């Protein structure tokens, strides 16, 4: 294993593909995550998770795909359900494909990450709370990483910097500790799927 340092972060452990195969799980879920960015005001819309996995953490908006949905359709639906904003598929930019697993869980989560790069209240509406999430704007330089998933501090700044990423994270069962991780910049669009 190698250590990789990124700016303003702790070391990341890079896992060679053959070593990571040991974390294959019998079950997998396809998920979406959408980061809403107000470029003009340099703000990010986060939601405080009210229930389920990640309860009590700030996060972007997203969730599971429904039968027959594409990842883009699911991202649009989840944003509408979780914070009331209306976004269109063609406005979303795919910025990452992240894989998450927990040490004792039989399920791996394949997360397709999208960025809405230019939020506009006129086009998208005003965020409203839902049973799932309570939205709040944060300045880009004041994102509360200490109240988010541990991995977010390693890759969110890179997405805001224009990188497209693939990553893998193996979490401890406490949902805080990251046992192993890998993040790499990708150059080919197909690697995002």
N, C-alpha and C. Protein backbone atom coordinates (compact mmCIF):
# COMPACT_ATOMS: atom_id res chain seq x y z
N UNK A 1 0.84 -1.18 0.00
CA UNK A 1 0.00 0.00 0.00
C UNK A 1 0.88 1.24 0.00
N UNK A 2 0.38 2.27 -0.63
CA UNK A 2 1.10 3.54 -0.71
C UNK A 2 0.29 4.61 0.01
N UNK A 3 0.94 5.63 0.53
CA UNK A 3 0.24 6.77 1.08
C UNK A 3 0.25 7.89 0.07
N UNK A 4 -0.87 8.56 -0.06
CA UNK A 4 -0.97 9.70 -0.94
C UNK A 4 -1.41 10.88 -0.11
N UNK A 5 -0.79 12.03 -0.30
CA UNK A 5 -1.19 13.23 0.43
C UNK A 5 -1.87 14.17 -0.55
N UNK A 6 -3.00 14.73 -0.13
CA UNK A 6 -3.64 15.78 -0.90
C UNK A 6 -3.58 17.03 -0.05
N UNK A 7 -3.69 18.18 -0.68
CA UNK A 7 -3.59 19.42 0.07
C UNK A 7 -4.67 19.49 1.14
N UNK A 8 -4.30 20.00 2.31
CA UNK A 8 -5.22 20.20 3.43
C UNK A 8 -5.92 18.93 3.88
N UNK A 9 -5.28 17.79 3.80
CA UNK A 9 -5.93 16.56 4.26
C UNK A 9 -4.90 15.63 4.88
N UNK A 10 -5.42 14.68 5.62
CA UNK A 10 -4.58 13.64 6.19
C UNK A 10 -4.19 12.67 5.08
N UNK A 11 -3.20 11.81 5.31
CA UNK A 11 -2.81 10.86 4.28
C UNK A 11 -3.96 9.92 3.91
N UNK A 12 -4.02 9.57 2.65
CA UNK A 12 -4.96 8.57 2.17
C UNK A 12 -4.18 7.31 1.86
N UNK A 13 -4.77 6.19 2.13
CA UNK A 13 -4.13 4.93 1.80
C UNK A 13 -4.62 4.51 0.43
N UNK A 14 -3.72 4.27 -0.48
CA UNK A 14 -4.07 3.84 -1.83
C UNK A 14 -4.03 2.33 -1.87
N UNK A 15 -5.11 1.75 -2.35
CA UNK A 15 -5.24 0.30 -2.40
C UNK A 15 -5.07 -0.15 -3.85
N UNK A 16 -4.17 -1.07 -4.08
CA UNK A 16 -4.03 -1.63 -5.42
C UNK A 16 -5.29 -2.43 -5.74
N UNK A 17 -5.72 -2.44 -7.01
CA UNK A 17 -6.96 -3.11 -7.38
C UNK A 17 -7.03 -4.55 -6.90
N UNK A 18 -5.96 -5.30 -7.04
CA UNK A 18 -5.99 -6.70 -6.64
C UNK A 18 -6.23 -6.86 -5.13
N UNK A 19 -5.73 -5.91 -4.35
CA UNK A 19 -5.96 -5.96 -2.91
C UNK A 19 -7.40 -5.60 -2.57
N UNK A 20 -7.98 -4.68 -3.34
CA UNK A 20 -9.33 -4.23 -3.03
C UNK A 20 -10.37 -5.30 -3.32
N UNK A 21 -10.04 -6.24 -4.17
CA UNK A 21 -11.00 -7.29 -4.51
C UNK A 21 -11.47 -8.05 -3.27
N UNK A 22 -10.68 -8.07 -2.23
CA UNK A 22 -11.08 -8.72 -1.00
C UNK A 22 -12.29 -8.08 -0.34
N UNK A 23 -12.69 -6.89 -0.82
CA UNK A 23 -13.84 -6.20 -0.25
C UNK A 23 -15.09 -6.35 -1.10
N UNK A 24 -15.06 -7.26 -2.06
CA UNK A 24 -16.27 -7.54 -2.83
C UNK A 24 -17.36 -7.99 -1.87
N UNK A 25 -18.57 -7.56 -2.12
CA UNK A 25 -19.70 -7.89 -1.27
C UNK A 25 -20.76 -8.61 -2.10
N UNK A 26 -21.56 -9.46 -1.45
CA UNK A 26 -22.59 -10.17 -2.20
C UNK A 26 -23.73 -9.27 -2.68
N UNK A 27 -23.89 -8.10 -2.08
CA UNK A 27 -24.98 -7.21 -2.46
C UNK A 27 -24.41 -5.85 -2.82
N UNK A 28 -25.07 -5.18 -3.76
CA UNK A 28 -24.66 -3.83 -4.08
C UNK A 28 -25.89 -2.99 -4.37
N UNK A 29 -25.76 -1.68 -4.12
CA UNK A 29 -26.82 -0.72 -4.39
C UNK A 29 -26.24 0.41 -5.21
N UNK A 30 -27.03 0.88 -6.16
CA UNK A 30 -26.67 2.06 -6.95
C UNK A 30 -27.34 3.27 -6.29
N UNK A 31 -26.55 4.29 -6.01
CA UNK A 31 -27.05 5.50 -5.36
C UNK A 31 -26.63 6.73 -6.14
N UNK A 32 -27.28 7.84 -5.83
CA UNK A 32 -26.87 9.13 -6.40
C UNK A 32 -26.58 10.10 -5.27
N UNK A 33 -25.77 11.09 -5.56
CA UNK A 33 -25.50 12.19 -4.65
C UNK A 33 -25.37 13.44 -5.52
N UNK A 34 -26.11 14.48 -5.16
CA UNK A 34 -26.05 15.71 -5.95
C UNK A 34 -25.58 16.85 -5.06
N UNK A 35 -24.56 17.54 -5.53
CA UNK A 35 -24.01 18.70 -4.84
C UNK A 35 -24.55 19.94 -5.54
N UNK A 36 -25.27 20.76 -4.79
CA UNK A 36 -25.87 21.98 -5.33
C UNK A 36 -24.92 23.15 -5.03
N UNK A 37 -24.46 23.81 -6.08
CA UNK A 37 -23.46 24.86 -5.94
C UNK A 37 -23.99 26.17 -6.51
N UNK A 38 -23.93 27.21 -5.71
CA UNK A 38 -24.28 28.55 -6.14
C UNK A 38 -22.96 29.26 -6.47
N UNK A 39 -22.58 29.16 -7.72
CA UNK A 39 -21.28 29.69 -8.16
C UNK A 39 -21.16 31.20 -7.93
N UNK A 40 -22.24 31.93 -8.18
CA UNK A 40 -22.20 33.39 -8.05
C UNK A 40 -21.86 33.81 -6.62
N UNK A 41 -22.43 33.12 -5.64
CA UNK A 41 -22.21 33.47 -4.23
C UNK A 41 -21.22 32.55 -3.53
N UNK A 42 -20.64 31.60 -4.29
CA UNK A 42 -19.66 30.63 -3.76
C UNK A 42 -20.20 29.93 -2.51
N UNK A 43 -21.43 29.39 -2.68
CA UNK A 43 -22.10 28.68 -1.60
C UNK A 43 -22.47 27.27 -2.04
N UNK A 44 -22.55 26.39 -1.06
CA UNK A 44 -22.95 25.00 -1.30
C UNK A 44 -24.17 24.73 -0.43
N UNK A 45 -25.19 24.08 -1.03
CA UNK A 45 -26.38 23.70 -0.28
C UNK A 45 -26.17 22.29 0.26
N UNK A 46 -26.24 22.15 1.58
CA UNK A 46 -26.14 20.85 2.23
C UNK A 46 -27.45 20.57 2.96
N UNK A 47 -27.70 19.30 3.22
CA UNK A 47 -28.87 18.91 3.98
C UNK A 47 -28.46 18.15 5.23
N UNK A 48 -29.07 18.47 6.36
CA UNK A 48 -28.84 17.71 7.60
C UNK A 48 -29.75 16.49 7.54
N UNK A 49 -29.13 15.32 7.51
CA UNK A 49 -29.87 14.05 7.37
C UNK A 49 -30.68 13.80 8.63
N UNK A 50 -31.97 13.54 8.46
CA UNK A 50 -32.90 13.39 9.58
C UNK A 50 -33.15 11.95 9.99
N UNK A 51 -32.83 10.99 9.10
CA UNK A 51 -33.09 9.59 9.42
C UNK A 51 -32.24 8.68 8.54
N UNK A 52 -32.12 7.44 8.97
CA UNK A 52 -31.40 6.45 8.17
C UNK A 52 -29.89 6.61 8.21
N UNK A 53 -29.23 5.94 7.26
CA UNK A 53 -27.77 5.98 7.17
C UNK A 53 -27.29 7.42 7.03
N UNK A 54 -26.42 7.85 7.91
CA UNK A 54 -25.90 9.21 7.87
C UNK A 54 -26.70 10.20 8.68
N UNK A 55 -27.67 9.72 9.47
CA UNK A 55 -28.47 10.62 10.29
C UNK A 55 -27.56 11.50 11.15
N UNK A 56 -27.89 12.81 11.20
CA UNK A 56 -27.09 13.74 11.99
C UNK A 56 -25.88 14.29 11.28
N UNK A 57 -25.71 13.96 10.00
CA UNK A 57 -24.58 14.47 9.21
C UNK A 57 -25.09 15.40 8.12
N UNK A 58 -24.27 16.41 7.78
CA UNK A 58 -24.54 17.24 6.60
C UNK A 58 -24.10 16.46 5.37
N UNK A 59 -24.86 16.59 4.29
CA UNK A 59 -24.53 15.86 3.06
C UNK A 59 -25.18 16.57 1.88
N UNK A 60 -24.82 16.10 0.68
CA UNK A 60 -25.54 16.50 -0.52
C UNK A 60 -26.86 15.74 -0.55
N UNK A 61 -27.57 15.83 -1.67
CA UNK A 61 -28.90 15.24 -1.78
C UNK A 61 -28.86 14.05 -2.73
N UNK A 62 -29.49 12.95 -2.34
CA UNK A 62 -29.48 11.79 -3.21
C UNK A 62 -30.05 10.58 -2.51
N UNK A 63 -29.95 9.45 -3.20
CA UNK A 63 -30.47 8.21 -2.63
C UNK A 63 -30.49 7.10 -3.66
N UNK A 64 -31.33 6.12 -3.38
CA UNK A 64 -31.41 4.91 -4.21
C UNK A 64 -32.15 5.16 -5.51
N UNK A 65 -31.77 4.40 -6.53
CA UNK A 65 -32.49 4.42 -7.79
C UNK A 65 -33.78 3.62 -7.63
N UNK A 66 -34.84 4.09 -8.29
CA UNK A 66 -36.08 3.33 -8.36
C UNK A 66 -36.04 2.50 -9.64
N UNK A 67 -36.88 1.48 -9.69
CA UNK A 67 -36.91 0.57 -10.84
C UNK A 67 -37.06 1.35 -12.15
N UNK A 68 -36.17 1.07 -13.10
CA UNK A 68 -36.23 1.67 -14.42
C UNK A 68 -35.61 3.05 -14.55
N UNK A 69 -35.12 3.62 -13.45
CA UNK A 69 -34.52 4.95 -13.52
C UNK A 69 -33.07 4.89 -13.96
N UNK A 70 -32.64 5.93 -14.66
CA UNK A 70 -31.22 6.14 -14.90
C UNK A 70 -30.67 6.86 -13.67
N UNK A 71 -29.35 6.93 -13.54
CA UNK A 71 -28.77 7.64 -12.41
C UNK A 71 -29.12 9.13 -12.47
N UNK A 72 -29.19 9.69 -13.66
CA UNK A 72 -29.55 11.10 -13.80
C UNK A 72 -30.99 11.35 -13.36
N UNK A 73 -31.91 10.47 -13.77
CA UNK A 73 -33.31 10.61 -13.36
C UNK A 73 -33.45 10.50 -11.84
N UNK A 74 -32.71 9.57 -11.26
CA UNK A 74 -32.77 9.41 -9.80
C UNK A 74 -32.23 10.64 -9.09
N UNK A 75 -31.16 11.23 -9.61
CA UNK A 75 -30.59 12.43 -8.99
C UNK A 75 -31.60 13.57 -9.01
N UNK A 76 -32.26 13.77 -10.14
CA UNK A 76 -33.27 14.82 -10.27
C UNK A 76 -34.41 14.59 -9.28
N UNK A 77 -34.91 13.36 -9.22
CA UNK A 77 -36.02 13.02 -8.31
C UNK A 77 -35.63 13.22 -6.85
N UNK A 78 -34.44 12.74 -6.48
CA UNK A 78 -34.01 12.85 -5.08
C UNK A 78 -33.84 14.30 -4.65
N UNK A 79 -33.30 15.15 -5.50
CA UNK A 79 -33.15 16.57 -5.17
C UNK A 79 -34.53 17.17 -4.92
N UNK A 80 -35.48 16.87 -5.78
CA UNK A 80 -36.86 17.39 -5.63
C UNK A 80 -37.48 16.90 -4.32
N UNK A 81 -37.34 15.61 -4.03
CA UNK A 81 -37.94 15.04 -2.83
C UNK A 81 -37.28 15.55 -1.54
N UNK A 82 -35.97 15.72 -1.56
CA UNK A 82 -35.24 16.03 -0.33
C UNK A 82 -35.13 17.51 -0.01
N UNK A 83 -35.17 18.38 -1.03
CA UNK A 83 -35.06 19.82 -0.72
C UNK A 83 -35.95 20.70 -1.58
N UNK A 84 -36.80 20.10 -2.42
CA UNK A 84 -37.79 20.87 -3.16
C UNK A 84 -37.29 21.59 -4.39
N UNK A 85 -36.02 21.47 -4.75
CA UNK A 85 -35.51 22.15 -5.93
C UNK A 85 -35.85 21.37 -7.19
N UNK A 86 -36.08 22.11 -8.27
CA UNK A 86 -36.35 21.51 -9.57
C UNK A 86 -35.12 21.66 -10.44
N UNK A 87 -34.47 20.54 -10.74
CA UNK A 87 -33.30 20.56 -11.63
C UNK A 87 -33.58 19.66 -12.83
N UNK A 88 -32.86 19.90 -13.89
CA UNK A 88 -33.01 19.10 -15.11
C UNK A 88 -31.77 18.24 -15.29
N UNK A 89 -31.97 17.07 -15.87
CA UNK A 89 -30.85 16.14 -16.10
C UNK A 89 -29.70 16.81 -16.83
N UNK A 90 -30.02 17.60 -17.85
CA UNK A 90 -28.96 18.20 -18.68
C UNK A 90 -28.16 19.27 -17.92
N UNK A 91 -28.63 19.74 -16.77
CA UNK A 91 -27.89 20.70 -15.97
C UNK A 91 -26.85 20.03 -15.08
N UNK A 92 -26.99 18.74 -14.85
CA UNK A 92 -26.11 18.03 -13.93
C UNK A 92 -24.82 17.59 -14.61
N UNK A 93 -23.72 17.73 -13.90
CA UNK A 93 -22.41 17.30 -14.40
C UNK A 93 -21.96 16.14 -13.53
N UNK A 94 -21.68 15.01 -14.16
CA UNK A 94 -21.19 13.84 -13.41
C UNK A 94 -19.74 14.11 -13.04
N UNK A 95 -19.44 14.08 -11.72
CA UNK A 95 -18.10 14.45 -11.26
C UNK A 95 -17.35 13.33 -10.56
N UNK A 96 -18.07 12.28 -10.14
CA UNK A 96 -17.38 11.21 -9.43
C UNK A 96 -18.22 9.94 -9.43
N UNK A 97 -17.51 8.83 -9.30
CA UNK A 97 -18.12 7.52 -9.02
C UNK A 97 -17.37 6.98 -7.81
N UNK A 98 -18.08 6.90 -6.69
CA UNK A 98 -17.47 6.48 -5.43
C UNK A 98 -18.10 5.19 -4.95
N UNK A 99 -17.28 4.31 -4.41
CA UNK A 99 -17.74 3.04 -3.86
C UNK A 99 -17.49 3.04 -2.36
N UNK A 100 -18.54 2.72 -1.60
CA UNK A 100 -18.45 2.69 -0.15
C UNK A 100 -18.81 1.32 0.38
N UNK A 101 -18.07 0.87 1.39
CA UNK A 101 -18.40 -0.37 2.09
C UNK A 101 -18.11 -0.16 3.57
N UNK A 102 -18.74 -0.98 4.40
CA UNK A 102 -18.52 -0.97 5.84
C UNK A 102 -17.97 -2.33 6.22
N UNK A 103 -17.10 -2.37 7.22
CA UNK A 103 -16.35 -3.59 7.52
C UNK A 103 -17.22 -4.83 7.71
N UNK A 104 -18.38 -4.72 8.34
CA UNK A 104 -19.17 -5.92 8.58
C UNK A 104 -20.47 -5.98 7.77
N UNK A 105 -20.63 -5.09 6.80
CA UNK A 105 -21.84 -5.08 5.98
C UNK A 105 -21.65 -5.91 4.72
N UNK A 106 -22.66 -6.66 4.32
CA UNK A 106 -22.55 -7.44 3.08
C UNK A 106 -22.82 -6.61 1.81
N UNK A 107 -23.08 -5.31 1.98
CA UNK A 107 -23.48 -4.46 0.85
C UNK A 107 -22.42 -3.43 0.52
N UNK A 108 -22.19 -3.23 -0.77
CA UNK A 108 -21.33 -2.15 -1.24
C UNK A 108 -22.23 -1.12 -1.92
N UNK A 109 -21.93 0.15 -1.71
CA UNK A 109 -22.73 1.25 -2.25
C UNK A 109 -21.97 1.92 -3.38
N UNK A 110 -22.51 1.85 -4.58
CA UNK A 110 -21.92 2.51 -5.76
C UNK A 110 -22.63 3.85 -5.92
N UNK A 111 -21.91 4.93 -5.69
CA UNK A 111 -22.53 6.25 -5.65
C UNK A 111 -22.07 7.09 -6.84
N UNK A 112 -23.06 7.55 -7.61
CA UNK A 112 -22.83 8.41 -8.77
C UNK A 112 -23.02 9.85 -8.29
N UNK A 113 -21.95 10.64 -8.35
CA UNK A 113 -21.97 11.99 -7.80
C UNK A 113 -22.12 13.01 -8.94
N UNK A 114 -23.10 13.89 -8.76
CA UNK A 114 -23.38 14.95 -9.73
C UNK A 114 -23.20 16.30 -9.07
N UNK A 115 -22.86 17.28 -9.90
CA UNK A 115 -22.75 18.67 -9.46
C UNK A 115 -23.74 19.49 -10.28
N UNK A 116 -24.57 20.27 -9.58
CA UNK A 116 -25.34 21.32 -10.24
C UNK A 116 -24.46 22.56 -10.09
N UNK A 117 -23.74 22.96 -11.16
CA UNK A 117 -22.69 23.96 -11.01
C UNK A 117 -23.16 25.40 -10.86
N UNK A 118 -24.40 25.68 -11.24
CA UNK A 118 -24.85 27.08 -11.21
C UNK A 118 -26.30 27.17 -10.73
N UNK A 119 -26.49 27.04 -9.42
CA UNK A 119 -27.83 27.17 -8.84
C UNK A 119 -28.37 28.57 -9.07
N UNK A 120 -29.67 28.65 -9.36
CA UNK A 120 -30.37 29.92 -9.50
C UNK A 120 -31.74 29.78 -8.85
N UNK A 121 -32.09 30.66 -7.90
CA UNK A 121 -33.41 30.56 -7.29
C UNK A 121 -34.54 30.75 -8.31
N UNK A 122 -34.28 31.54 -9.34
CA UNK A 122 -35.28 31.75 -10.38
C UNK A 122 -35.54 30.46 -11.16
N UNK A 123 -34.48 29.74 -11.49
CA UNK A 123 -34.62 28.50 -12.28
C UNK A 123 -34.97 27.27 -11.43
N UNK A 124 -34.41 27.19 -10.24
CA UNK A 124 -34.48 25.94 -9.47
C UNK A 124 -35.40 26.01 -8.26
N UNK A 125 -35.78 27.21 -7.84
CA UNK A 125 -36.64 27.36 -6.67
C UNK A 125 -35.83 27.61 -5.40
N UNK A 126 -36.54 27.67 -4.30
CA UNK A 126 -35.93 27.91 -2.99
C UNK A 126 -35.95 26.60 -2.21
N UNK A 127 -34.84 26.20 -1.60
CA UNK A 127 -34.81 24.94 -0.86
C UNK A 127 -35.77 24.97 0.34
N UNK A 128 -36.43 23.83 0.54
CA UNK A 128 -37.34 23.66 1.67
C UNK A 128 -37.02 22.35 2.39
N UNK A 129 -37.27 22.29 3.71
CA UNK A 129 -37.01 21.05 4.45
C UNK A 129 -37.97 19.93 4.03
N UNK A 130 -37.51 18.71 4.23
CA UNK A 130 -38.34 17.52 3.99
C UNK A 130 -38.18 16.61 5.21
N UNK A 131 -38.89 15.51 5.21
CA UNK A 131 -38.75 14.54 6.29
C UNK A 131 -37.35 13.94 6.31
N UNK A 132 -36.66 13.97 5.17
CA UNK A 132 -35.34 13.36 5.02
C UNK A 132 -34.20 14.32 5.34
N UNK A 133 -34.32 15.58 4.89
CA UNK A 133 -33.22 16.53 4.98
C UNK A 133 -33.71 17.94 5.33
N UNK A 134 -32.88 18.65 6.08
CA UNK A 134 -33.11 20.07 6.36
C UNK A 134 -31.98 20.84 5.68
N UNK A 135 -32.29 21.57 4.59
CA UNK A 135 -31.24 22.24 3.81
C UNK A 135 -30.74 23.53 4.45
N UNK A 136 -29.46 23.82 4.16
CA UNK A 136 -28.83 25.05 4.63
C UNK A 136 -27.66 25.38 3.72
N UNK A 137 -27.50 26.66 3.40
CA UNK A 137 -26.38 27.13 2.58
C UNK A 137 -25.14 27.33 3.44
N UNK A 138 -23.98 26.95 2.88
CA UNK A 138 -22.68 27.17 3.52
C UNK A 138 -21.76 27.82 2.50
N UNK A 139 -20.99 28.81 2.95
CA UNK A 139 -19.96 29.35 2.07
C UNK A 139 -18.98 28.23 1.74
N UNK A 140 -18.44 28.27 0.55
CA UNK A 140 -17.52 27.21 0.12
C UNK A 140 -16.34 27.05 1.07
N UNK A 141 -15.87 28.13 1.67
CA UNK A 141 -14.74 28.05 2.59
C UNK A 141 -15.16 27.73 4.03
N UNK A 142 -16.44 27.50 4.25
CA UNK A 142 -16.96 27.19 5.60
C UNK A 142 -17.76 25.89 5.61
N UNK A 143 -17.51 25.01 4.66
CA UNK A 143 -18.21 23.72 4.63
C UNK A 143 -17.87 22.96 5.92
N UNK A 144 -18.86 22.46 6.65
CA UNK A 144 -18.62 21.83 7.95
C UNK A 144 -18.16 20.37 7.83
N UNK A 145 -16.98 20.17 7.29
CA UNK A 145 -16.49 18.80 7.06
C UNK A 145 -16.47 17.96 8.34
N UNK A 146 -16.26 18.60 9.49
CA UNK A 146 -16.23 17.84 10.75
C UNK A 146 -17.60 17.28 11.11
N UNK A 147 -18.67 17.73 10.44
CA UNK A 147 -20.03 17.24 10.70
C UNK A 147 -20.57 16.47 9.50
N UNK A 148 -19.66 16.00 8.63
CA UNK A 148 -20.04 15.27 7.43
C UNK A 148 -19.39 13.89 7.47
N UNK A 149 -19.65 13.08 6.44
CA UNK A 149 -18.96 11.81 6.32
C UNK A 149 -17.46 12.10 6.25
N UNK A 150 -16.67 11.27 6.89
CA UNK A 150 -15.22 11.47 6.99
C UNK A 150 -14.55 11.60 5.62
N UNK A 151 -15.01 10.86 4.64
CA UNK A 151 -14.39 10.88 3.31
C UNK A 151 -14.58 12.19 2.57
N UNK A 152 -15.65 12.93 2.89
CA UNK A 152 -15.99 14.13 2.11
C UNK A 152 -14.86 15.15 2.07
N UNK A 153 -14.12 15.30 3.14
CA UNK A 153 -13.06 16.32 3.19
C UNK A 153 -11.94 16.00 2.19
N UNK A 154 -11.85 14.75 1.75
CA UNK A 154 -10.79 14.35 0.82
C UNK A 154 -11.17 14.60 -0.64
N UNK A 155 -12.45 14.51 -0.97
CA UNK A 155 -12.80 14.61 -2.38
C UNK A 155 -13.66 15.81 -2.74
N UNK A 156 -14.48 16.36 -1.85
CA UNK A 156 -15.30 17.53 -2.22
C UNK A 156 -14.45 18.69 -2.72
N UNK A 157 -13.37 19.09 -2.02
CA UNK A 157 -12.56 20.21 -2.53
C UNK A 157 -11.99 19.94 -3.92
N UNK A 158 -11.69 18.70 -4.19
CA UNK A 158 -11.14 18.36 -5.51
C UNK A 158 -12.20 18.51 -6.60
N UNK A 159 -13.45 18.16 -6.29
CA UNK A 159 -14.55 18.36 -7.23
C UNK A 159 -14.76 19.85 -7.49
N UNK A 160 -14.73 20.67 -6.43
CA UNK A 160 -14.87 22.11 -6.61
C UNK A 160 -13.71 22.68 -7.43
N UNK A 161 -12.56 22.01 -7.38
CA UNK A 161 -11.40 22.41 -8.17
C UNK A 161 -11.45 21.94 -9.61
N UNK A 162 -12.52 21.23 -10.00
CA UNK A 162 -12.70 20.82 -11.39
C UNK A 162 -12.27 19.40 -11.72
N UNK A 163 -11.80 18.64 -10.72
CA UNK A 163 -11.38 17.27 -11.00
C UNK A 163 -12.58 16.33 -11.08
N UNK A 164 -12.44 15.29 -11.88
CA UNK A 164 -13.40 14.19 -11.92
C UNK A 164 -12.71 12.98 -11.31
N UNK A 165 -13.43 12.27 -10.45
CA UNK A 165 -12.78 11.29 -9.59
C UNK A 165 -13.47 9.94 -9.57
N UNK A 166 -12.66 8.92 -9.28
CA UNK A 166 -13.16 7.61 -8.86
C UNK A 166 -12.55 7.35 -7.51
N UNK A 167 -13.35 6.79 -6.62
CA UNK A 167 -12.82 6.53 -5.29
C UNK A 167 -13.49 5.34 -4.64
N UNK A 168 -12.78 4.80 -3.64
CA UNK A 168 -13.28 3.67 -2.86
C UNK A 168 -12.97 3.94 -1.40
N UNK A 169 -13.93 3.66 -0.54
CA UNK A 169 -13.75 3.89 0.89
C UNK A 169 -14.30 2.70 1.66
N UNK A 170 -13.49 2.16 2.53
CA UNK A 170 -13.92 1.11 3.44
C UNK A 170 -14.02 1.74 4.82
N UNK A 171 -15.25 1.90 5.32
CA UNK A 171 -15.51 2.51 6.62
C UNK A 171 -15.52 1.46 7.71
N UNK A 172 -15.12 1.89 8.90
CA UNK A 172 -15.34 1.08 10.10
C UNK A 172 -16.84 1.10 10.37
N UNK A 173 -17.31 0.17 11.17
CA UNK A 173 -18.74 0.10 11.45
C UNK A 173 -19.27 1.30 12.23
N UNK A 174 -18.38 2.11 12.83
CA UNK A 174 -18.82 3.30 13.56
C UNK A 174 -19.23 4.43 12.61
N UNK A 175 -19.08 4.22 11.29
CA UNK A 175 -19.42 5.19 10.24
C UNK A 175 -18.56 6.45 10.32
N UNK A 176 -17.44 6.39 11.04
CA UNK A 176 -16.54 7.54 11.15
C UNK A 176 -15.16 7.17 10.62
N UNK A 177 -14.58 6.12 11.17
CA UNK A 177 -13.24 5.73 10.77
C UNK A 177 -13.21 5.17 9.36
N UNK A 178 -12.21 5.59 8.59
CA UNK A 178 -11.99 5.04 7.25
C UNK A 178 -10.78 4.12 7.35
N UNK A 179 -11.02 2.83 7.16
CA UNK A 179 -9.94 1.85 7.27
C UNK A 179 -9.02 1.92 6.06
N UNK A 180 -9.60 2.00 4.88
CA UNK A 180 -8.81 2.04 3.64
C UNK A 180 -9.53 2.93 2.63
N UNK A 181 -8.76 3.56 1.76
CA UNK A 181 -9.36 4.44 0.77
C UNK A 181 -8.46 4.61 -0.44
N UNK A 182 -9.07 5.01 -1.51
CA UNK A 182 -8.35 5.31 -2.75
C UNK A 182 -9.14 6.38 -3.48
N UNK A 183 -8.45 7.39 -3.98
CA UNK A 183 -9.06 8.39 -4.84
C UNK A 183 -8.12 8.60 -6.01
N UNK A 184 -8.68 8.61 -7.21
CA UNK A 184 -7.85 8.91 -8.36
C UNK A 184 -8.59 9.80 -9.33
N UNK A 185 -7.85 10.66 -9.99
CA UNK A 185 -8.41 11.53 -11.02
C UNK A 185 -8.60 10.70 -12.27
N UNK A 186 -9.73 10.91 -12.92
CA UNK A 186 -9.96 10.19 -14.18
C UNK A 186 -10.01 11.18 -15.35
N UNK A 187 -9.67 10.67 -16.51
CA UNK A 187 -9.65 11.51 -17.68
C UNK A 187 -10.66 11.06 -18.73
N UNK A 188 -11.10 9.83 -18.65
CA UNK A 188 -12.05 9.30 -19.62
C UNK A 188 -13.46 9.31 -19.02
N UNK A 189 -14.41 9.90 -19.73
CA UNK A 189 -15.79 10.03 -19.25
C UNK A 189 -16.41 8.67 -18.89
N UNK A 190 -16.12 7.61 -19.65
CA UNK A 190 -16.73 6.31 -19.37
C UNK A 190 -16.32 5.76 -18.01
N UNK A 191 -15.20 6.22 -17.46
CA UNK A 191 -14.78 5.73 -16.15
C UNK A 191 -15.69 6.23 -15.04
N UNK A 192 -16.56 7.19 -15.34
CA UNK A 192 -17.50 7.68 -14.34
C UNK A 192 -18.70 6.76 -14.19
N UNK A 193 -18.86 5.80 -15.08
CA UNK A 193 -20.02 4.91 -15.01
C UNK A 193 -19.62 3.50 -14.72
